Protein backbone atom coordinates (compact mmCIF):
# COMPACT_ATOMS: atom_id res chain seq x y z
CA ARG A 1 -10.14 -26.19 -47.88
CA VAL A 2 -6.83 -24.91 -49.50
CA ALA A 3 -6.99 -24.09 -53.41
CA LYS A 4 -4.99 -26.46 -55.44
CA GLN A 5 -3.22 -23.83 -57.82
CA SER A 6 -2.40 -20.58 -55.20
CA GLY A 7 -2.73 -22.66 -51.79
CA THR A 8 -4.89 -20.00 -49.99
CA VAL A 9 -7.13 -21.27 -47.37
CA ILE A 10 -10.79 -21.45 -48.78
CA PRO A 11 -13.12 -20.78 -45.86
CA PHE A 12 -16.35 -22.83 -45.47
CA PRO A 13 -19.32 -20.94 -46.18
CA ASP A 14 -21.45 -19.49 -43.19
CA ARG A 15 -24.24 -22.25 -42.15
CA SER A 16 -26.41 -19.47 -40.93
CA SER A 17 -27.26 -18.26 -44.46
CA LEU A 18 -28.31 -21.28 -45.68
CA VAL A 19 -30.92 -22.50 -42.68
CA ALA A 20 -34.56 -21.24 -43.76
CA ASP A 21 -36.80 -19.33 -41.05
CA TRP A 22 -40.12 -21.17 -41.31
CA SER A 23 -41.88 -19.54 -38.72
CA ASP A 24 -42.97 -16.85 -41.00
CA TYR A 25 -44.34 -18.29 -43.98
CA LYS A 26 -47.18 -17.44 -46.07
CA ALA A 27 -48.65 -19.84 -48.44
CA GLY A 28 -48.91 -18.46 -51.92
CA PRO A 29 -51.60 -19.28 -54.66
CA LYS A 30 -50.04 -22.25 -56.13
CA ASP A 31 -49.33 -24.21 -52.60
CA THR A 32 -51.80 -26.89 -52.13
CA PRO A 33 -53.17 -27.31 -48.55
CA PRO A 34 -51.70 -29.91 -46.17
CA GLU A 35 -55.19 -31.63 -46.09
CA ILE A 36 -55.57 -31.92 -49.80
CA ALA A 37 -51.88 -33.22 -50.19
CA MET A 38 -52.49 -36.07 -47.21
CA GLU A 39 -55.50 -37.31 -48.93
CA LYS A 40 -54.80 -41.21 -49.63
CA SER A 41 -54.92 -40.88 -53.41
CA TYR A 42 -53.62 -44.53 -53.83
CA ASN A 43 -55.52 -47.43 -53.79
CA TYR A 44 -53.70 -50.98 -53.84
CA LYS A 45 -56.53 -52.92 -54.02
CA GLU A 46 -58.19 -51.54 -57.16
CA ASP A 47 -54.45 -51.34 -58.59
CA VAL A 48 -54.33 -55.48 -58.00
CA GLN A 49 -57.70 -55.97 -59.42
CA ALA A 50 -57.05 -53.53 -62.76
CA MET A 51 -53.55 -55.95 -63.05
CA LYS A 52 -55.38 -58.82 -62.46
CA ILE A 53 -57.78 -58.01 -65.75
CA LEU A 54 -54.86 -56.89 -67.72
CA ARG A 55 -53.24 -60.13 -67.17
CA GLN A 56 -55.94 -61.75 -68.35
CA THR A 57 -56.61 -59.93 -71.71
CA MET A 58 -52.61 -60.67 -72.47
């Protein structure tokens, strides 16, 4: 990369500072536990039934 005005070479940023180390991660008070996050919260069949009822009322 080269600056347009001055012509100096701009070095690429060091990638090691961008890589996160998740091995020592501790969950905070607002983090959702994985068991709750992976629960199925959308039921397709109930939604289809609700849409059918909604269309009939229109």
